[in-house]
C-alpha atoms as a PDB file:
ATOM      1  CA  MET A   1    -140.864 -87.578  10.418  1.00  0.00           C
ATOM      2  CA  SER A   2    -141.025 -86.856   7.454  1.00  0.00           C
ATOM      3  CA  GLY A   3    -141.973 -88.828   4.887  1.00  0.00           C
ATOM      4  CA  TYR A   4    -139.644 -88.076   2.754  1.00  0.00           C
ATOM      5  CA  PHE A   5    -137.226 -87.554   5.860  1.00  0.00           C
ATOM      6  CA  THR A   6    -136.534 -88.433   9.011  1.00  0.00           C
ATOM      7  CA  GLY A   7    -136.114 -84.368  10.462  1.00  0.00           C
ATOM      8  CA  ASP A   8    -134.041 -81.791   9.664  1.00  0.00           C
ATOM      9  CA  GLU A   9    -131.197 -83.058  10.518  1.00  0.00           C
ATOM     10  CA  ALA A  10    -131.421 -85.400   8.220  1.00  0.00           C
ATOM     11  CA  ILE A  11    -132.083 -83.089   5.609  1.00  0.00           C
ATOM     12  CA  ALA A  12    -128.704 -81.394   6.260  1.00  0.00           C
ATOM     13  CA  ARG A  13    -126.650 -84.543   5.990  1.00  0.00           C
ATOM     14  CA  HIS A  14    -128.397 -84.472   2.543  1.00  0.00           C
ATOM     15  CA  GLY A  15    -127.137 -80.910   1.467  1.00  0.00           C
ATOM     16  CA  LEU A  16    -124.129 -82.079   3.166  1.00  0.00           C
ATOM     17  CA  ALA A  17    -123.651 -84.909   0.964  1.00  0.00           C
ATOM     18  CA  LEU A  18    -124.211 -83.424  -1.656  1.00  0.00           C
ATOM     19  CA  LEU A  19    -121.498 -80.450  -1.539  1.00  0.00           C
ATOM     20  CA  ASP A  20    -118.984 -82.726  -0.387  1.00  0.00           C
ATOM     21  CA  ARG A  21    -119.516 -85.053  -2.949  1.00  0.00           C
ATOM     22  CA  SER A  22    -121.025 -88.542  -0.757  1.00  0.00           C
ATOM     23  CA  LEU A  23    -124.742 -88.030  -1.565  1.00  0.00           C
ATOM     24  CA  PRO A  24    -125.276 -91.886  -2.516  1.00  0.00           C
ATOM     25  CA  LYS A  25    -126.265 -91.815  -6.344  1.00  0.00           C
ATOM     26  CA  ALA A  26    -129.322 -94.115  -5.374  1.00  0.00           C
ATOM     27  CA  GLN A  27    -130.763 -90.564  -3.179  1.00  0.00           C
ATOM     28  CA  TRP A  28    -130.385 -87.532  -5.474  1.00  0.00           C
ATOM     29  CA  THR A  29    -134.114 -88.406  -6.750  1.00  0.00           C
ATOM     30  CA  HIS A  30    -137.117 -85.645  -7.475  1.00  0.00           C
ATOM     31  CA  ALA A  31    -137.300 -85.282  -3.274  1.00  0.00           C
ATOM     32  CA  GLY A  32    -133.096 -84.585  -3.005  1.00  0.00           C
ATOM     33  CA  HIS A  33    -132.916 -82.049  -5.013  1.00  0.00           C
ATOM     34  CA  PHE A  34    -135.802 -80.128  -3.881  1.00  0.00           C
ATOM     35  CA  ALA A  35    -134.446 -80.986  -0.979  1.00  0.00           C
ATOM     36  CA  ALA A  36    -130.752 -79.615  -1.271  1.00  0.00           C
ATOM     37  CA  ALA A  37    -131.924 -76.995  -2.217  1.00  0.00           C
ATOM     38  CA  LEU A  38    -134.158 -75.794   0.519  1.00  0.00           C
ATOM     39  CA  TRP A  39    -131.387 -76.743   2.929  1.00  0.00           C
ATOM     40  CA  LEU A  40    -129.536 -74.373   1.497  1.00  0.00           C
ATOM     41  CA  LEU A  41    -131.363 -71.640   1.117  1.00  0.00           C
ATOM     42  CA  ARG A  42    -132.862 -71.364   4.599  1.00  0.00           C
ATOM     43  CA  ALA A  43    -129.031 -73.034   6.460  1.00  0.00           C
ATOM     44  CA  ARG A  44    -126.534 -71.513   4.106  1.00  0.00           C
ATOM     45  CA  PRO A  45    -127.069 -67.773   3.207  1.00  0.00           C
ATOM     46  CA  ASP A  46    -123.248 -67.644   2.362  1.00  0.00           C
ATOM     47  CA  ILE A  47    -123.554 -69.240  -0.618  1.00  0.00           C
ATOM     48  CA  ASP A  48    -125.819 -68.051  -3.824  1.00  0.00           C
ATOM     49  CA  ALA A  49    -127.322 -71.133  -4.464  1.00  0.00           C
ATOM     50  CA  THR A  50    -128.609 -69.394  -7.872  1.00  0.00           C
ATOM     51  CA  ARG A  51    -125.094 -68.428  -8.722  1.00  0.00           C
ATOM     52  CA  GLN A  52    -123.797 -71.807  -7.587  1.00  0.00           C
ATOM     53  CA  MET A  53    -125.310 -74.378  -7.780  1.00  0.00           C
ATOM     54  CA  SER A  54    -124.455 -75.227 -11.367  1.00  0.00           C
ATOM     55  CA  GLY A  55    -121.082 -76.342 -10.102  1.00  0.00           C
ATOM     56  CA  PHE A  56    -122.013 -78.235  -6.994  1.00  0.00           C
ATOM     57  CA  ILE A  57    -124.721 -80.389  -9.440  1.00  0.00           C
ATOM     58  CA  ARG A  58    -122.005 -80.749 -11.836  1.00  0.00           C
ATOM     59  CA  ALA A  59    -118.834 -81.523  -9.149  1.00  0.00           C
ATOM     60  CA  TYR A  60    -121.834 -83.867  -7.927  1.00  0.00           C
ATOM     61  CA  ASN A  61    -122.728 -85.975 -10.964  1.00  0.00           C
ATOM     62  CA  GLU A  62    -118.798 -86.290 -12.661  1.00  0.00           C
ATOM     63  CA  ALA A  63    -117.863 -87.781  -8.632  1.00  0.00           C
ATOM     64  CA  THR A  64    -121.262 -90.187  -9.550  1.00  0.00           C
ATOM     65  CA  GLY A  65    -119.238 -90.623 -12.683  1.00  0.00           C
ATOM     66  CA  VAL A  66    -122.449 -88.928 -14.990  1.00  0.00           C
ATOM     67  CA  ALA A  67    -121.148 -87.075 -17.667  1.00  0.00           C
ATOM     68  CA  ASN A  68    -122.041 -83.452 -17.909  1.00  0.00           C
ATOM     69  CA  THR A  69    -123.054 -83.001 -21.519  1.00  0.00           C
ATOM     70  CA  ASP A  70    -125.527 -81.869 -23.791  1.00  0.00           C
ATOM     71  CA  ASN A  71    -127.572 -84.459 -23.217  1.00  0.00           C
ATOM     72  CA  GLY A  72    -127.205 -86.123 -20.070  1.00  0.00           C
ATOM     73  CA  GLY A  73    -126.078 -84.567 -16.358  1.00  0.00           C
ATOM     74  CA  TYR A  74    -126.360 -80.129 -15.118  1.00  0.00           C
ATOM     75  CA  HIS A  75    -129.537 -78.840 -16.715  1.00  0.00           C
ATOM     76  CA  GLU A  76    -129.223 -74.618 -15.669  1.00  0.00           C
ATOM     77  CA  THR A  77    -132.975 -74.041 -17.160  1.00  0.00           C
ATOM     78  CA  ILE A  78    -134.472 -76.861 -15.022  1.00  0.00           C
ATOM     79  CA  THR A  79    -131.983 -76.269 -12.053  1.00  0.00           C
ATOM     80  CA  GLN A  80    -132.972 -72.759 -12.111  1.00  0.00           C
ATOM     81  CA  ALA A  81    -137.395 -72.951 -11.964  1.00  0.00           C
ATOM     82  CA  SER A  82    -136.646 -75.510  -9.687  1.00  0.00           C
ATOM     83  CA  LEU A  83    -134.467 -73.495  -6.901  1.00  0.00           C
ATOM     84  CA  ARG A  84    -137.079 -70.470  -8.057  1.00  0.00           C
ATOM     85  CA  ALA A  85    -140.002 -73.193  -6.830  1.00  0.00           C
ATOM     86  CA  ALA A  86    -138.193 -74.374  -4.186  1.00  0.00           C
ATOM     87  CA  ARG A  87    -137.594 -70.136  -2.600  1.00  0.00           C
ATOM     88  CA  ALA A  88    -140.939 -69.534  -3.042  1.00  0.00           C
ATOM     89  CA  PHE A  89    -142.158 -72.556  -0.938  1.00  0.00           C
ATOM     90  CA  LEU A  90    -140.324 -72.060   1.704  1.00  0.00           C
ATOM     91  CA  ALA A  91    -140.476 -68.222   1.770  1.00  0.00           C
ATOM     92  CA  ASP A  92    -144.900 -69.156   1.881  1.00  0.00           C
ATOM     93  CA  ARG A  93    -143.648 -71.067   5.177  1.00  0.00           C
ATOM     94  CA  PRO A  94    -140.864 -68.908   7.351  1.00  0.00           C
ATOM     95  CA  GLY A  95    -140.371 -71.337  10.390  1.00  0.00           C
ATOM     96  CA  MET A  96    -141.811 -74.455   9.682  1.00  0.00           C
ATOM     97  CA  PRO A  97    -139.181 -77.523   9.880  1.00  0.00           C
ATOM     98  CA  LEU A  98    -137.503 -78.616   6.404  1.00  0.00           C
ATOM     99  CA  HIS A  99    -138.556 -82.094   6.574  1.00  0.00           C
ATOM    100  CA  GLU A 100    -142.293 -80.651   7.092  1.00  0.00           C
ATOM    101  CA  VAL A 101    -141.769 -78.401   3.575  1.00  0.00           C
ATOM    102  CA  ILE A 102    -140.484 -81.075   2.471  1.00  0.00           C
ATOM    103  CA  ASP A 103    -143.456 -83.041   2.537  1.00  0.00           C
ATOM    104  CA  ALA A 104    -146.211 -80.436   1.672  1.00  0.00           C
ATOM    105  CA  LEU A 105    -143.631 -79.618  -1.015  1.00  0.00           C
ATOM    106  CA  MET A 106    -143.632 -83.068  -2.487  1.00  0.00           C
ATOM    107  CA  ALA A 107    -147.548 -83.080  -1.632  1.00  0.00           C
ATOM    108  CA  SER A 108    -148.465 -80.057  -3.503  1.00  0.00           C
ATOM    109  CA  PRO A 109    -147.449 -79.894  -8.272  1.00  0.00           C
ATOM    110  CA  LEU A 110    -143.787 -79.312  -7.922  1.00  0.00           C
ATOM    111  CA  GLY A 111    -143.824 -82.224  -6.122  1.00  0.00           C
ATOM    112  CA  LYS A 112    -144.825 -83.861  -9.651  1.00  0.00           C
ATOM    113  CA  THR A 113    -141.247 -84.900 -11.616  1.00  0.00           C
ATOM    114  CA  ASP A 114    -142.930 -83.194 -15.412  1.00  0.00           C
ATOM    115  CA  TRP A 115    -144.374 -80.445 -13.304  1.00  0.00           C
ATOM    116  CA  LEU A 116    -141.790 -78.513 -15.694  1.00  0.00           C
ATOM    117  CA  LEU A 117    -143.969 -78.799 -18.190  1.00  0.00           C
ATOM    118  CA  ALA A 118    -146.802 -77.118 -17.759  1.00  0.00           C
ATOM    119  CA  TYR A 119    -144.448 -73.309 -18.602  1.00  0.00           C
ATOM    120  CA  TRP A 120    -142.476 -75.535 -20.763  1.00  0.00           C
ATOM    121  CA  ARG A 121    -142.596 -77.323 -23.748  1.00  0.00           C
ATOM    122  CA  ARG A 122    -141.024 -80.913 -23.920  1.00  0.00           C
ATOM    123  CA  GLU A 123    -138.905 -80.057 -26.977  1.00  0.00           C
ATOM    124  CA  THR A 124    -138.084 -76.261 -25.554  1.00  0.00           C
ATOM    125  CA  LEU A 125    -137.296 -77.858 -21.709  1.00  0.00           C
ATOM    126  CA  PHE A 126    -135.128 -80.737 -23.114  1.00  0.00           C
ATOM    127  CA  SER A 127    -133.373 -78.360 -25.804  1.00  0.00           C
ATOM    128  CA  VAL A 128    -129.239 -78.278 -25.320  1.00  0.00           C
ATOM    129  CA  GLU A 129    -129.620 -74.680 -25.566  1.00  0.00           C
ATOM    130  CA  ALA A 130    -132.162 -75.252 -22.096  1.00  0.00           C
ATOM    131  CA  ARG A 131    -128.795 -77.918 -20.955  1.00  0.00           C
ATOM    132  CA  ARG A 132    -126.570 -75.627 -21.410  1.00  0.00           C
ATOM    133  CA  SER A 133    -128.684 -71.561 -20.256  1.00  0.00           C
ATOM    134  CA  TRP A 134    -132.257 -70.515 -19.112  1.00  0.00           C
ATOM    135  CA  VAL A 135    -134.034 -70.251 -21.617  1.00  0.00           C
ATOM    136  CA  GLU A 136    -137.473 -68.195 -20.520  1.00  0.00           C
ATOM    137  CA  PRO A 137    -140.731 -70.369 -20.204  1.00  0.00           C
ATOM    138  CA  ASP A 138    -142.404 -71.381 -23.468  1.00  0.00           C
ATOM    139  CA  LEU A 139    -146.147 -72.199 -22.344  1.00  0.00           C
ATOM    140  CA  GLU A 140    -146.743 -69.939 -19.479  1.00  0.00           C
ATOM    141  CA  ALA A 141    -145.012 -68.028 -17.134  1.00  0.00           C
ATOM    142  CA  LEU A 142    -143.666 -69.241 -13.914  1.00  0.00           C
ATOM    143  CA  PRO A 143    -145.686 -67.935 -10.816  1.00  0.00           C
ATOM    144  CA  PHE A 144    -142.879 -67.298  -8.848  1.00  0.00           C
END
């Protein structure tokens, strides 16, 4: 049993609910973001998460009443950095059940909601430019 999800089936339901925009907003947490990314990366090789995640999140946000603006909603740099992190974390754990992967990820530095601030200055990460498009880290290169 997982600390965040009851098993891999729960993660699959979570990922599918993101895609069909039925995920309850309260479940779109830090762990929920990573769970959806991990599920897409492992279970849906037909989806190019790097290219398509922005559309999934934007549509989900709109369905839950969250506007995608220069100040809120979808954030490209955070999404792409998180996908890179999830991909690398998953690659190091081939065959491990996803609910165990998410538990391990959340117990790692990636589990902290401010993990990105080790790589970007706050002003850079939360700029309009970083929200709209990928902005390279300005403190330290990502290790993945």
